[in-house]
Amino acid sequence: MSERTYDILAMGRSSIDLYSNDIGAPFPEITSFGAFVGGCPTNISVGTRRLGLRSAVLTALGEDPVGDFILKFLNDEGVETKFIPHKPGHRTSAVVLGIEPPDRFPLVYYRDNCADIELTIDDVLAAPIADSQALLISGTGLSKEPSRSATIFAAEYAQSVGTTVFLDLDFRADQWHEPRTFGVVVRSMLRLVDTAIGTEEEVKAASLTDISQLSIEHSQISNPDIEGDVTAAIETILRGGAQALVMKRGIEGADVHLSSGDVIDAAPFSVEVYNTLGAGDAFASGFIYGYLKGWGWQKSARLGNATGAIVVTRHGCANFMPTMREVEAFVEERGGW
């Protein structure tokens, strides 16, 4: 493959994230918030950039000060932003989050009339897919039109020009008209995906047609429990066409399931949890970095575990992604790779 300008183009949602400054306080008792940048692909564009990749992002912003806030942060980070369109009449999205460690992080999305869901096929054609080594797309980008068609087209185009496609399942049940639709849409496009990344709950949601036990809790950041056999769910994803499925297991580390049937385990790094939001995107950033640098499955997932572990000890998402120097020091303190 000839040299390409970008290592990764991340496509999908972006937001201003308002995080409670009152750690441990119930949501009604919060007195102030810190303002940060979030959204799965946007977080990954920053996470990979801080590790040293040449990262670009394709999201959409409103013509509003919130969009200006996100754009300034990304530019300051060195993420390429010149492919980001503005969508007149639509708002840059927002997320508000409470922090009650170790396991309660109530979250509210403000995505009505959202700019990034207005990404179109024309926006994709204007982006550097053929000039990027990898494309990262996310499940939420598939939740509504026109972003759904634009995301599928982006993956088709990437496949046609030899750009590696990563799919972060990014299942947010309340962003879908009908949660079962998530699985239908994801399964329909797995033939375009090289590597899928998700939690056990997300993998189950992507593989099942009847999520009869699904309970949407808008006040909870954690996805609902979904009944089903995880082994069968993994097989469904791999039969759909993905070459690999990376299963994020939180404090238990991560597993890489290959279409060949092989399973590669990556041990976790033990830390005290402060805030889980953003850890999955940090994991994906580390894993993608390792993969694109030729580190192999096990060490790439191990790097993802390290970047994710670092972020759960911090306050937010994109703003708190680690540099490679920080990761190396973190790993060395814990006995190395």
C-alpha atoms as a PDB file:
ATOM      1  CA  MET A   1       0.000   0.000   0.000  1.00  0.00           C
ATOM      2  CA  SER A   2       1.335   3.431  -0.925  1.00  0.00           C
ATOM      3  CA  GLU A   3       1.763   6.012   1.802  1.00  0.00           C
ATOM      4  CA  ARG A   4      -1.489   7.699   2.771  1.00  0.00           C
ATOM      5  CA  THR A   5      -1.907  11.122   4.340  1.00  0.00           C
ATOM      6  CA  TYR A   6      -3.894   9.943   7.370  1.00  0.00           C
ATOM      7  CA  ASP A   7      -3.642   6.880   9.554  1.00  0.00           C
ATOM      8  CA  ILE A   8      -7.291   7.024  10.587  1.00  0.00           C
ATOM      9  CA  LEU A   9     -10.482   8.849   9.667  1.00  0.00           C
ATOM     10  CA  ALA A  10     -13.075   8.607  12.456  1.00  0.00           C
ATOM     11  CA  MET A  11     -16.692   9.212  11.387  1.00  0.00           C
ATOM     12  CA  GLY A  12     -19.764   9.927  13.511  1.00  0.00           C
ATOM     13  CA  ARG A  13     -20.999  11.769  16.549  1.00  0.00           C
ATOM     14  CA  SER A  14     -19.474  14.618  18.518  1.00  0.00           C
ATOM     15  CA  SER A  15     -20.726  16.567  21.510  1.00  0.00           C
ATOM     16  CA  ILE A  16     -19.999  18.897  24.345  1.00  0.00           C
ATOM     17  CA  ASP A  17     -19.912  16.769  27.506  1.00  0.00           C
ATOM     18  CA  LEU A  18     -20.928  18.424  30.775  1.00  0.00           C
ATOM     19  CA  TYR A  19     -19.506  16.369  33.653  1.00  0.00           C
ATOM     20  CA  SER A  20     -20.522  16.839  37.233  1.00  0.00           C
ATOM     21  CA  ASN A  21     -17.865  18.458  39.397  1.00  0.00           C
ATOM     22  CA  ASP A  22     -19.619  17.084  42.500  1.00  0.00           C
ATOM     23  CA  ILE A  23     -18.219  13.579  42.608  1.00  0.00           C
ATOM     24  CA  GLY A  24     -20.575  11.198  44.366  1.00  0.00           C
ATOM     25  CA  ALA A  25     -23.498  13.634  44.487  1.00  0.00           C
ATOM     26  CA  PRO A  26     -26.909  12.420  43.294  1.00  0.00           C
ATOM     27  CA  PHE A  27     -27.874  14.108  40.041  1.00  0.00           C
ATOM     28  CA  PRO A  28     -30.452  16.513  41.582  1.00  0.00           C
ATOM     29  CA  GLU A  29     -27.798  17.787  43.997  1.00  0.00           C
ATOM     30  CA  ILE A  30     -25.142  18.663  41.383  1.00  0.00           C
ATOM     31  CA  THR A  31     -24.053  22.301  41.666  1.00  0.00           C
ATOM     32  CA  SER A  32     -21.602  22.659  38.750  1.00  0.00           C
ATOM     33  CA  PHE A  33     -20.278  20.943  35.645  1.00  0.00           C
ATOM     34  CA  GLY A  34     -17.008  20.843  33.733  1.00  0.00           C
ATOM     35  CA  ALA A  35     -17.185  21.243  29.943  1.00  0.00           C
ATOM     36  CA  PHE A  36     -15.321  18.720  27.769  1.00  0.00           C
ATOM     37  CA  VAL A  37     -15.521  17.137  24.312  1.00  0.00           C
ATOM     38  CA  GLY A  38     -17.103  13.738  23.652  1.00  0.00           C
ATOM     39  CA  GLY A  39     -18.726  11.404  21.156  1.00  0.00           C
ATOM     40  CA  CYS A  40     -17.302   7.971  20.306  1.00  0.00           C
ATOM     41  CA  PRO A  41     -15.548   8.696  16.973  1.00  0.00           C
ATOM     42  CA  THR A  42     -14.442  12.147  18.105  1.00  0.00           C
ATOM     43  CA  ASN A  43     -12.933  10.664  21.260  1.00  0.00           C
ATOM     44  CA  ILE A  44     -11.114   8.061  19.170  1.00  0.00           C
ATOM     45  CA  SER A  45      -9.752  10.707  16.808  1.00  0.00           C
ATOM     46  CA  VAL A  46      -8.233  12.478  19.815  1.00  0.00           C
ATOM     47  CA  GLY A  47      -7.108   9.264  21.512  1.00  0.00           C
ATOM     48  CA  THR A  48      -5.265   8.019  18.436  1.00  0.00           C
ATOM     49  CA  ARG A  49      -3.784  11.463  17.791  1.00  0.00           C
ATOM     50  CA  ARG A  50      -2.348  11.679  21.314  1.00  0.00           C
ATOM     51  CA  LEU A  51      -0.758   8.273  20.842  1.00  0.00           C
ATOM     52  CA  GLY A  52       0.918   9.526  17.687  1.00  0.00           C
ATOM     53  CA  LEU A  53      -1.308   8.666  14.719  1.00  0.00           C
ATOM     54  CA  ARG A  54      -2.250  11.109  11.978  1.00  0.00           C
ATOM     55  CA  SER A  55      -5.957  11.426  12.740  1.00  0.00           C
ATOM     56  CA  ALA A  56      -8.836  13.115  10.923  1.00  0.00           C
ATOM     57  CA  VAL A  57     -12.489  13.305  11.924  1.00  0.00           C
ATOM     58  CA  LEU A  58     -15.709  13.457   9.927  1.00  0.00           C
ATOM     59  CA  THR A  59     -18.504  14.704  12.135  1.00  0.00           C
ATOM     60  CA  ALA A  60     -20.972  17.565  11.674  1.00  0.00           C
ATOM     61  CA  LEU A  61     -21.518  20.653  13.802  1.00  0.00           C
ATOM     62  CA  GLY A  62     -24.220  23.257  14.126  1.00  0.00           C
ATOM     63  CA  GLU A  63     -23.540  26.908  13.423  1.00  0.00           C
ATOM     64  CA  ASP A  64     -23.408  27.584  17.139  1.00  0.00           C
ATOM     65  CA  PRO A  65     -20.888  28.298  19.926  1.00  0.00           C
ATOM     66  CA  VAL A  66     -20.944  24.658  21.023  1.00  0.00           C
ATOM     67  CA  GLY A  67     -19.645  23.671  17.603  1.00  0.00           C
ATOM     68  CA  ASP A  68     -16.952  26.335  17.916  1.00  0.00           C
ATOM     69  CA  PHE A  69     -15.977  24.842  21.294  1.00  0.00           C
ATOM     70  CA  ILE A  70     -15.509  21.368  19.804  1.00  0.00           C
ATOM     71  CA  LEU A  71     -13.680  22.655  16.731  1.00  0.00           C
ATOM     72  CA  LYS A  72     -11.183  24.654  18.786  1.00  0.00           C
ATOM     73  CA  PHE A  73     -10.377  21.673  20.977  1.00  0.00           C
ATOM     74  CA  LEU A  74      -9.830  19.357  18.021  1.00  0.00           C
ATOM     75  CA  ASN A  75      -7.646  21.891  16.236  1.00  0.00           C
ATOM     76  CA  ASP A  76      -5.591  22.417  19.386  1.00  0.00           C
ATOM     77  CA  GLU A  77      -5.103  18.627  19.578  1.00  0.00           C
ATOM     78  CA  GLY A  78      -3.840  18.425  16.014  1.00  0.00           C
ATOM     79  CA  VAL A  79      -6.781  16.400  14.701  1.00  0.00           C
ATOM     80  CA  GLU A  80      -7.570  17.259  11.063  1.00  0.00           C
ATOM     81  CA  THR A  81     -10.930  19.084  11.049  1.00  0.00           C
ATOM     82  CA  LYS A  82     -11.162  20.525   7.542  1.00  0.00           C
ATOM     83  CA  PHE A  83     -13.605  17.824   6.429  1.00  0.00           C
ATOM     84  CA  ILE A  84     -16.190  18.698   9.126  1.00  0.00           C
ATOM     85  CA  PRO A  85     -19.326  20.298   7.622  1.00  0.00           C
ATOM     86  CA  HIS A  86     -21.649  22.697   9.411  1.00  0.00           C
ATOM     87  CA  LYS A  87     -25.361  21.961   9.195  1.00  0.00           C
ATOM     88  CA  PRO A  88     -27.507  25.135   9.236  1.00  0.00           C
ATOM     89  CA  GLY A  89     -30.675  24.726  11.264  1.00  0.00           C
ATOM     90  CA  HIS A  90     -29.248  21.876  13.344  1.00  0.00           C
ATOM     91  CA  ARG A  91     -27.596  21.884  16.768  1.00  0.00           C
ATOM     92  CA  THR A  92     -24.276  20.518  17.944  1.00  0.00           C
ATOM     93  CA  SER A  93     -25.193  17.793  20.430  1.00  0.00           C
ATOM     94  CA  ALA A  94     -24.626  17.695  24.187  1.00  0.00           C
ATOM     95  CA  VAL A  95     -24.367  15.142  26.989  1.00  0.00           C
ATOM     96  CA  VAL A  96     -24.853  15.776  30.719  1.00  0.00           C
ATOM     97  CA  LEU A  97     -23.348  13.305  33.175  1.00  0.00           C
ATOM     98  CA  GLY A  98     -23.371  12.677  36.902  1.00  0.00           C
ATOM     99  CA  ILE A  99     -20.451  10.852  38.536  1.00  0.00           C
ATOM    100  CA  GLU A 100     -21.218   8.494  41.415  1.00  0.00           C
ATOM    101  CA  PRO A 101     -18.345   5.974  41.569  1.00  0.00           C
ATOM    102  CA  PRO A 102     -17.825   3.102  41.325  1.00  0.00           C
ATOM    103  CA  ASP A 103     -20.791   2.059  39.185  1.00  0.00           C
ATOM    104  CA  ARG A 104     -23.373   4.806  38.781  1.00  0.00           C
ATOM    105  CA  PHE A 105     -22.954   7.445  36.072  1.00  0.00           C
ATOM    106  CA  PRO A 106     -26.406   8.833  35.190  1.00  0.00           C
ATOM    107  CA  LEU A 107     -26.356  10.375  31.724  1.00  0.00           C
ATOM    108  CA  VAL A 108     -28.722  12.403  29.553  1.00  0.00           C
ATOM    109  CA  TYR A 109     -28.276  12.897  25.794  1.00  0.00           C
ATOM    110  CA  TYR A 110     -29.400  16.073  24.034  1.00  0.00           C
ATOM    111  CA  ARG A 111     -29.498  14.966  20.414  1.00  0.00           C
ATOM    112  CA  ASP A 112     -32.798  16.313  19.114  1.00  0.00           C
ATOM    113  CA  ASN A 113     -32.210  18.082  15.787  1.00  0.00           C
ATOM    114  CA  CYS A 114     -28.604  16.918  16.019  1.00  0.00           C
ATOM    115  CA  ALA A 115     -26.063  18.090  13.438  1.00  0.00           C
ATOM    116  CA  ASP A 116     -23.886  14.974  13.250  1.00  0.00           C
ATOM    117  CA  ILE A 117     -26.804  12.698  12.334  1.00  0.00           C
ATOM    118  CA  GLU A 118     -27.180  14.888   9.223  1.00  0.00           C
ATOM    119  CA  LEU A 119     -23.960  13.615   7.643  1.00  0.00           C
ATOM    120  CA  THR A 120     -24.612  12.730   3.988  1.00  0.00           C
ATOM    121  CA  ILE A 121     -23.047  10.710   1.193  1.00  0.00           C
ATOM    122  CA  ASP A 122     -21.757  13.998  -0.253  1.00  0.00           C
ATOM    123  CA  ASP A 123     -19.954  14.660   3.045  1.00  0.00           C
ATOM    124  CA  VAL A 124     -18.349  11.222   2.762  1.00  0.00           C
ATOM    125  CA  LEU A 125     -17.255  11.877  -0.814  1.00  0.00           C
ATOM    126  CA  ALA A 126     -15.540  15.061   0.369  1.00  0.00           C
ATOM    127  CA  ALA A 127     -13.645  13.178   3.094  1.00  0.00           C
ATOM    128  CA  PRO A 128     -10.250  11.430   2.675  1.00  0.00           C
ATOM    129  CA  ILE A 129     -11.315   7.794   2.878  1.00  0.00           C
ATOM    130  CA  ALA A 130      -9.027   6.707   0.055  1.00  0.00           C
ATOM    131  CA  ASP A 131      -6.204   8.711   1.639  1.00  0.00           C
ATOM    132  CA  SER A 132      -6.595   7.081   5.076  1.00  0.00           C
ATOM    133  CA  GLN A 133      -5.162   3.786   6.226  1.00  0.00           C
ATOM    134  CA  ALA A 134      -8.259   3.072   8.326  1.00  0.00           C
ATOM    135  CA  LEU A 135     -11.867   4.210   8.733  1.00  0.00           C
ATOM    136  CA  LEU A 136     -13.609   4.084  12.103  1.00  0.00           C
ATOM    137  CA  ILE A 137     -17.418   4.098  12.080  1.00  0.00           C
ATOM    138  CA  SER A 138     -19.828   3.677  14.988  1.00  0.00           C
ATOM    139  CA  GLY A 139     -23.200   2.150  15.748  1.00  0.00           C
ATOM    140  CA  THR A 140     -24.852   5.433  16.667  1.00  0.00           C
ATOM    141  CA  GLY A 141     -23.997   6.754  13.217  1.00  0.00           C
ATOM    142  CA  LEU A 142     -26.266   4.013  11.866  1.00  0.00           C
ATOM    143  CA  SER A 143     -29.244   4.929  14.058  1.00  0.00           C
ATOM    144  CA  LYS A 144     -30.963   7.454  11.767  1.00  0.00           C
ATOM    145  CA  GLU A 145     -30.948   8.817   8.243  1.00  0.00           C
ATOM    146  CA  PRO A 146     -29.147  10.408   6.475  1.00  0.00           C
ATOM    147  CA  SER A 147     -26.181   9.381   8.633  1.00  0.00           C
ATOM    148  CA  ARG A 148     -27.086   5.700   8.299  1.00  0.00           C
ATOM    149  CA  SER A 149     -26.752   5.638   4.518  1.00  0.00           C
ATOM    150  CA  ALA A 150     -23.676   7.870   4.655  1.00  0.00           C
ATOM    151  CA  THR A 151     -21.987   5.506   7.116  1.00  0.00           C
ATOM    152  CA  ILE A 152     -22.760   2.406   5.070  1.00  0.00           C
ATOM    153  CA  PHE A 153     -21.545   4.163   1.930  1.00  0.00           C
ATOM    154  CA  ALA A 154     -18.338   5.167   3.718  1.00  0.00           C
ATOM    155  CA  ALA A 155     -17.664   1.530   4.624  1.00  0.00           C
ATOM    156  CA  GLU A 156     -18.403   0.398   1.060  1.00  0.00           C
ATOM    157  CA  TYR A 157     -16.075   3.010  -0.338  1.00  0.00           C
ATOM    158  CA  ALA A 158     -13.359   2.149   2.182  1.00  0.00           C
ATOM    159  CA  GLN A 159     -13.537  -1.510   1.259  1.00  0.00           C
ATOM    160  CA  SER A 160     -13.249  -0.673  -2.448  1.00  0.00           C
ATOM    161  CA  VAL A 161     -10.031   1.335  -1.957  1.00  0.00           C
ATOM    162  CA  GLY A 162      -8.311  -0.968   0.539  1.00  0.00           C
ATOM    163  CA  THR A 163      -8.939   1.139   3.647  1.00  0.00           C
ATOM    164  CA  THR A 164      -9.329  -0.981   6.800  1.00  0.00           C
ATOM    165  CA  VAL A 165     -12.776  -0.626   8.403  1.00  0.00           C
ATOM    166  CA  PHE A 166     -13.236  -0.643  12.183  1.00  0.00           C
ATOM    167  CA  LEU A 167     -16.774  -0.663  13.596  1.00  0.00           C
ATOM    168  CA  ASP A 168     -17.270   0.418  17.194  1.00  0.00           C
ATOM    169  CA  LEU A 169     -20.677  -1.057  18.027  1.00  0.00           C
ATOM    170  CA  ASP A 170     -21.429   1.943  20.295  1.00  0.00           C
ATOM    171  CA  PHE A 171     -24.943   0.765  21.205  1.00  0.00           C
ATOM    172  CA  ARG A 172     -27.001   3.521  22.818  1.00  0.00           C
ATOM    173  CA  ALA A 173     -30.487   2.037  23.043  1.00  0.00           C
ATOM    174  CA  ASP A 174     -32.296   5.358  23.445  1.00  0.00           C
ATOM    175  CA  GLN A 175     -30.848   6.625  20.157  1.00  0.00           C
ATOM    176  CA  TRP A 176     -32.738   4.000  18.165  1.00  0.00           C
ATOM    177  CA  HIS A 177     -36.412   4.136  17.193  1.00  0.00           C
ATOM    178  CA  GLU A 178     -36.592   0.418  18.006  1.00  0.00           C
ATOM    179  CA  PRO A 179     -33.615  -1.240  19.699  1.00  0.00           C
ATOM    180  CA  ARG A 180     -33.914  -4.432  17.638  1.00  0.00           C
ATOM    181  CA  THR A 181     -33.205  -2.278  14.595  1.00  0.00           C
ATOM    182  CA  PHE A 182     -29.652  -1.894  15.862  1.00  0.00           C
ATOM    183  CA  GLY A 183     -28.986  -5.584  15.316  1.00  0.00           C
ATOM    184  CA  VAL A 184     -30.707  -5.665  11.938  1.00  0.00           C
ATOM    185  CA  VAL A 185     -28.634  -2.747  10.625  1.00  0.00           C
ATOM    186  CA  VAL A 186     -25.311  -3.900  12.091  1.00  0.00           C
ATOM    187  CA  ARG A 187     -25.701  -7.437  10.756  1.00  0.00           C
ATOM    188  CA  SER A 188     -26.556  -6.105   7.313  1.00  0.00           C
ATOM    189  CA  MET A 189     -23.187  -4.373   6.992  1.00  0.00           C
ATOM    190  CA  LEU A 190     -20.738  -6.739   8.716  1.00  0.00           C
ATOM    191  CA  ARG A 191     -19.548  -7.831   5.249  1.00  0.00           C
ATOM    192  CA  LEU A 192     -17.974  -4.355   5.013  1.00  0.00           C
ATOM    193  CA  VAL A 193     -16.193  -4.527   8.389  1.00  0.00           C
ATOM    194  CA  ASP A 194     -12.692  -5.822   9.059  1.00  0.00           C
ATOM    195  CA  THR A 195     -12.776  -5.556  12.868  1.00  0.00           C
ATOM    196  CA  ALA A 196     -15.748  -4.945  15.176  1.00  0.00           C
ATOM    197  CA  ILE A 197     -15.236  -3.675  18.723  1.00  0.00           C
ATOM    198  CA  GLY A 198     -17.796  -3.841  21.532  1.00  0.00           C
ATOM    199  CA  THR A 199     -18.829  -4.945  24.993  1.00  0.00           C
ATOM    200  CA  GLU A 200     -20.616  -8.224  25.657  1.00  0.00           C
ATOM    201  CA  GLU A 201     -23.957  -6.398  25.862  1.00  0.00           C
ATOM    202  CA  GLU A 202     -23.310  -4.633  22.556  1.00  0.00           C
ATOM    203  CA  VAL A 203     -22.328  -7.876  20.839  1.00  0.00           C
ATOM    204  CA  LYS A 204     -25.508  -9.539  22.062  1.00  0.00           C
ATOM    205  CA  ALA A 205     -27.595  -6.588  20.887  1.00  0.00           C
ATOM    206  CA  ALA A 206     -25.967  -6.746  17.462  1.00  0.00           C
ATOM    207  CA  SER A 207     -26.589 -10.477  17.078  1.00  0.00           C
ATOM    208  CA  LEU A 208     -30.169 -10.945  18.304  1.00  0.00           C
ATOM    209  CA  THR A 209     -33.391 -10.335  16.418  1.00  0.00           C
ATOM    210  CA  ASP A 210     -35.680 -10.574  19.466  1.00  0.00           C
ATOM    211  CA  ILE A 211     -34.470  -8.494  22.406  1.00  0.00           C
ATOM    212  CA  SER A 212     -37.564  -9.204  24.461  1.00  0.00           C
ATOM    213  CA  GLN A 213     -35.873  -8.391  27.750  1.00  0.00           C
ATOM    214  CA  LEU A 214     -34.494  -5.044  26.627  1.00  0.00           C
ATOM    215  CA  SER A 215     -35.173  -2.282  29.143  1.00  0.00           C
ATOM    216  CA  ILE A 216     -34.122   1.228  28.198  1.00  0.00           C
ATOM    217  CA  GLU A 217     -33.016   3.281  31.173  1.00  0.00           C
ATOM    218  CA  HIS A 218     -32.403   6.795  29.917  1.00  0.00           C
ATOM    219  CA  SER A 219     -30.936   7.846  33.271  1.00  0.00           C
ATOM    220  CA  GLN A 220     -28.220   5.205  33.210  1.00  0.00           C
ATOM    221  CA  ILE A 221     -25.051   5.272  31.162  1.00  0.00           C
ATOM    222  CA  SER A 222     -24.740   1.512  31.236  1.00  0.00           C
ATOM    223  CA  ASN A 223     -26.515  -0.362  28.472  1.00  0.00           C
ATOM    224  CA  PRO A 224     -29.368  -2.663  29.524  1.00  0.00           C
ATOM    225  CA  ASP A 225     -28.809  -6.313  30.198  1.00  0.00           C
ATOM    226  CA  ILE A 226     -29.659  -8.401  27.167  1.00  0.00           C
ATOM    227  CA  GLU A 227     -30.461 -12.084  27.480  1.00  0.00           C
ATOM    228  CA  GLY A 228     -28.625 -14.427  25.191  1.00  0.00           C
ATOM    229  CA  ASP A 229     -25.684 -16.748  24.673  1.00  0.00           C
ATOM    230  CA  VAL A 230     -22.551 -14.669  24.168  1.00  0.00           C
ATOM    231  CA  THR A 231     -20.802 -17.494  22.321  1.00  0.00           C
ATOM    232  CA  ALA A 232     -23.588 -17.650  19.762  1.00  0.00           C
ATOM    233  CA  ALA A 233     -23.549 -13.878  19.520  1.00  0.00           C
ATOM    234  CA  ILE A 234     -19.813 -13.850  18.739  1.00  0.00           C
ATOM    235  CA  GLU A 235     -20.303 -16.517  16.077  1.00  0.00           C
ATOM    236  CA  THR A 236     -23.088 -14.459  14.502  1.00  0.00           C
ATOM    237  CA  ILE A 237     -20.828 -11.411  14.195  1.00  0.00           C
ATOM    238  CA  LEU A 238     -17.982 -13.411  12.676  1.00  0.00           C
ATOM    239  CA  ARG A 239     -20.249 -15.315  10.259  1.00  0.00           C
ATOM    240  CA  GLY A 240     -21.534 -11.931   9.082  1.00  0.00           C
ATOM    241  CA  GLY A 241     -18.170 -11.155   7.543  1.00  0.00           C
ATOM    242  CA  ALA A 242     -16.027  -9.428  10.161  1.00  0.00           C
ATOM    243  CA  GLN A 243     -12.515 -10.855  10.297  1.00  0.00           C
ATOM    244  CA  ALA A 244     -12.210 -10.155  14.013  1.00  0.00           C
ATOM    245  CA  LEU A 245     -14.357  -9.193  16.974  1.00  0.00           C
ATOM    246  CA  VAL A 246     -12.686  -7.449  19.890  1.00  0.00           C
ATOM    247  CA  MET A 247     -14.664  -7.957  23.095  1.00  0.00           C
ATOM    248  CA  LYS A 248     -14.101  -5.312  25.770  1.00  0.00           C
ATOM    249  CA  ARG A 249     -14.485  -6.881  29.220  1.00  0.00           C
ATOM    250  CA  GLY A 250     -13.681  -3.956  31.491  1.00  0.00           C
ATOM    251  CA  ILE A 251     -11.864  -5.083  34.618  1.00  0.00           C
ATOM    252  CA  GLU A 252     -11.406  -8.530  33.035  1.00  0.00           C
ATOM    253  CA  GLY A 253      -9.420  -7.189  30.083  1.00  0.00           C
ATOM    254  CA  ALA A 254     -10.298  -8.012  26.478  1.00  0.00           C
ATOM    255  CA  ASP A 255     -10.604 -10.936  24.091  1.00  0.00           C
ATOM    256  CA  VAL A 256      -9.982 -10.972  20.337  1.00  0.00           C
ATOM    257  CA  HIS A 257     -12.137 -13.517  18.471  1.00  0.00           C
ATOM    258  CA  LEU A 258     -10.925 -14.305  14.962  1.00  0.00           C
ATOM    259  CA  SER A 259     -12.904 -15.702  12.032  1.00  0.00           C
ATOM    260  CA  SER A 260     -10.489 -18.661  12.084  1.00  0.00           C
ATOM    261  CA  GLY A 261     -11.898 -19.648  15.477  1.00  0.00           C
ATOM    262  CA  ASP A 262      -8.837 -18.568  17.439  1.00  0.00           C
ATOM    263  CA  VAL A 263      -9.331 -16.520  20.626  1.00  0.00           C
ATOM    264  CA  ILE A 264      -6.598 -14.250  21.980  1.00  0.00           C
ATOM    265  CA  ASP A 265      -6.789 -13.037  25.583  1.00  0.00           C
ATOM    266  CA  ALA A 266      -5.341  -9.730  26.758  1.00  0.00           C
ATOM    267  CA  ALA A 267      -4.925  -9.308  30.514  1.00  0.00           C
ATOM    268  CA  PRO A 268      -6.244  -6.169  32.246  1.00  0.00           C
ATOM    269  CA  PHE A 269      -4.479  -3.508  34.275  1.00  0.00           C
ATOM    270  CA  SER A 270      -5.927  -3.014  37.746  1.00  0.00           C
ATOM    271  CA  VAL A 271      -6.869   0.554  38.749  1.00  0.00           C
ATOM    272  CA  GLU A 272      -9.399   2.314  40.962  1.00  0.00           C
ATOM    273  CA  VAL A 273     -12.420   3.418  38.899  1.00  0.00           C
ATOM    274  CA  TYR A 274     -13.269   7.116  38.952  1.00  0.00           C
ATOM    275  CA  ASN A 275     -15.428   7.460  35.817  1.00  0.00           C
ATOM    276  CA  THR A 276     -16.121   4.770  33.205  1.00  0.00           C
ATOM    277  CA  LEU A 277     -17.371   7.069  30.450  1.00  0.00           C
ATOM    278  CA  GLY A 278     -14.774   7.258  27.695  1.00  0.00           C
ATOM    279  CA  ALA A 279     -12.912   4.113  28.712  1.00  0.00           C
ATOM    280  CA  GLY A 280     -14.227   2.143  25.751  1.00  0.00           C
ATOM    281  CA  ASP A 281     -13.151   4.853  23.316  1.00  0.00           C
ATOM    282  CA  ALA A 282      -9.737   4.969  24.973  1.00  0.00           C
ATOM    283  CA  PHE A 283      -9.510   1.195  24.551  1.00  0.00           C
ATOM    284  CA  ALA A 284     -10.397   1.488  20.855  1.00  0.00           C
ATOM    285  CA  SER A 285      -7.781   4.226  20.419  1.00  0.00           C
ATOM    286  CA  GLY A 286      -5.057   2.059  21.883  1.00  0.00           C
ATOM    287  CA  PHE A 287      -6.136  -1.067  20.035  1.00  0.00           C
ATOM    288  CA  ILE A 288      -6.326   0.710  16.664  1.00  0.00           C
ATOM    289  CA  TYR A 289      -2.916   2.296  17.225  1.00  0.00           C
ATOM    290  CA  GLY A 290      -1.375  -1.093  17.909  1.00  0.00           C
ATOM    291  CA  TYR A 291      -3.109  -2.736  14.972  1.00  0.00           C
ATOM    292  CA  LEU A 292      -2.017  -0.069  12.500  1.00  0.00           C
ATOM    293  CA  LYS A 293       1.539  -0.220  13.834  1.00  0.00           C
ATOM    294  CA  GLY A 294       1.657  -3.986  13.307  1.00  0.00           C
ATOM    295  CA  TRP A 295       1.782  -4.920  16.983  1.00  0.00           C
ATOM    296  CA  GLY A 296      -0.380  -8.012  16.589  1.00  0.00           C
ATOM    297  CA  TRP A 297      -3.709  -8.858  18.206  1.00  0.00           C
ATOM    298  CA  GLN A 298      -2.569  -9.575  21.753  1.00  0.00           C
ATOM    299  CA  LYS A 299      -0.306  -6.594  22.262  1.00  0.00           C
ATOM    300  CA  SER A 300      -2.756  -4.251  20.506  1.00  0.00           C
ATOM    301  CA  ALA A 301      -5.538  -5.335  22.868  1.00  0.00           C
ATOM    302  CA  ARG A 302      -3.164  -5.044  25.802  1.00  0.00           C
ATOM    303  CA  LEU A 303      -2.438  -1.452  24.759  1.00  0.00           C
ATOM    304  CA  GLY A 304      -6.183  -0.871  24.584  1.00  0.00           C
ATOM    305  CA  ASN A 305      -6.508  -2.201  28.125  1.00  0.00           C
ATOM    306  CA  ALA A 306      -3.825   0.237  29.265  1.00  0.00           C
ATOM    307  CA  THR A 307      -5.350   3.312  27.625  1.00  0.00           C
ATOM    308  CA  GLY A 308      -8.792   2.351  28.914  1.00  0.00           C
ATOM    309  CA  ALA A 309      -7.479   1.791  32.441  1.00  0.00           C
ATOM    310  CA  ILE A 310      -5.827   5.198  32.470  1.00  0.00           C
ATOM    311  CA  VAL A 311      -9.007   6.982  31.375  1.00  0.00           C
ATOM    312  CA  VAL A 312     -11.246   5.364  34.033  1.00  0.00           C
ATOM    313  CA  THR A 313      -9.065   7.087  36.635  1.00  0.00           C
ATOM    314  CA  ARG A 314      -9.804  10.507  35.083  1.00  0.00           C
ATOM    315  CA  HIS A 315     -12.695  12.941  34.801  1.00  0.00           C
ATOM    316  CA  GLY A 316     -13.834  12.726  31.178  1.00  0.00           C
ATOM    317  CA  CYS A 317     -13.389  11.469  27.621  1.00  0.00           C
ATOM    318  CA  ALA A 318     -11.439  13.187  24.833  1.00  0.00           C
ATOM    319  CA  ASN A 319      -9.753  15.719  27.100  1.00  0.00           C
ATOM    320  CA  PHE A 320      -8.229  12.957  29.220  1.00  0.00           C
ATOM    321  CA  MET A 321      -6.909  10.539  26.608  1.00  0.00           C
ATOM    322  CA  PRO A 322      -3.309   9.522  27.421  1.00  0.00           C
ATOM    323  CA  THR A 323      -0.176  10.131  25.380  1.00  0.00           C
ATOM    324  CA  MET A 324       2.102   7.244  24.463  1.00  0.00           C
ATOM    325  CA  ARG A 325       4.644   8.467  27.004  1.00  0.00           C
ATOM    326  CA  GLU A 326       1.984   8.247  29.733  1.00  0.00           C
ATOM    327  CA  VAL A 327       0.967   4.774  28.574  1.00  0.00           C
ATOM    328  CA  GLU A 328       4.553   3.503  28.581  1.00  0.00           C
ATOM    329  CA  ALA A 329       5.120   4.801  32.111  1.00  0.00           C
ATOM    330  CA  PHE A 330       1.813   3.287  33.269  1.00  0.00           C
ATOM    331  CA  VAL A 331       2.657  -0.128  31.814  1.00  0.00           C
ATOM    332  CA  GLU A 332       6.233  -0.106  33.099  1.00  0.00           C
ATOM    333  CA  GLU A 333       5.024   0.609  36.635  1.00  0.00           C
ATOM    334  CA  ARG A 334       2.858  -2.529  36.370  1.00  0.00           C
ATOM    335  CA  GLY A 335       5.475  -4.940  35.110  1.00  0.00           C
ATOM    336  CA  GLY A 336       5.503  -4.243  31.377  1.00  0.00           C
ATOM    337  CA  TRP A 337       3.621  -5.714  28.443  1.00  0.00           C
END
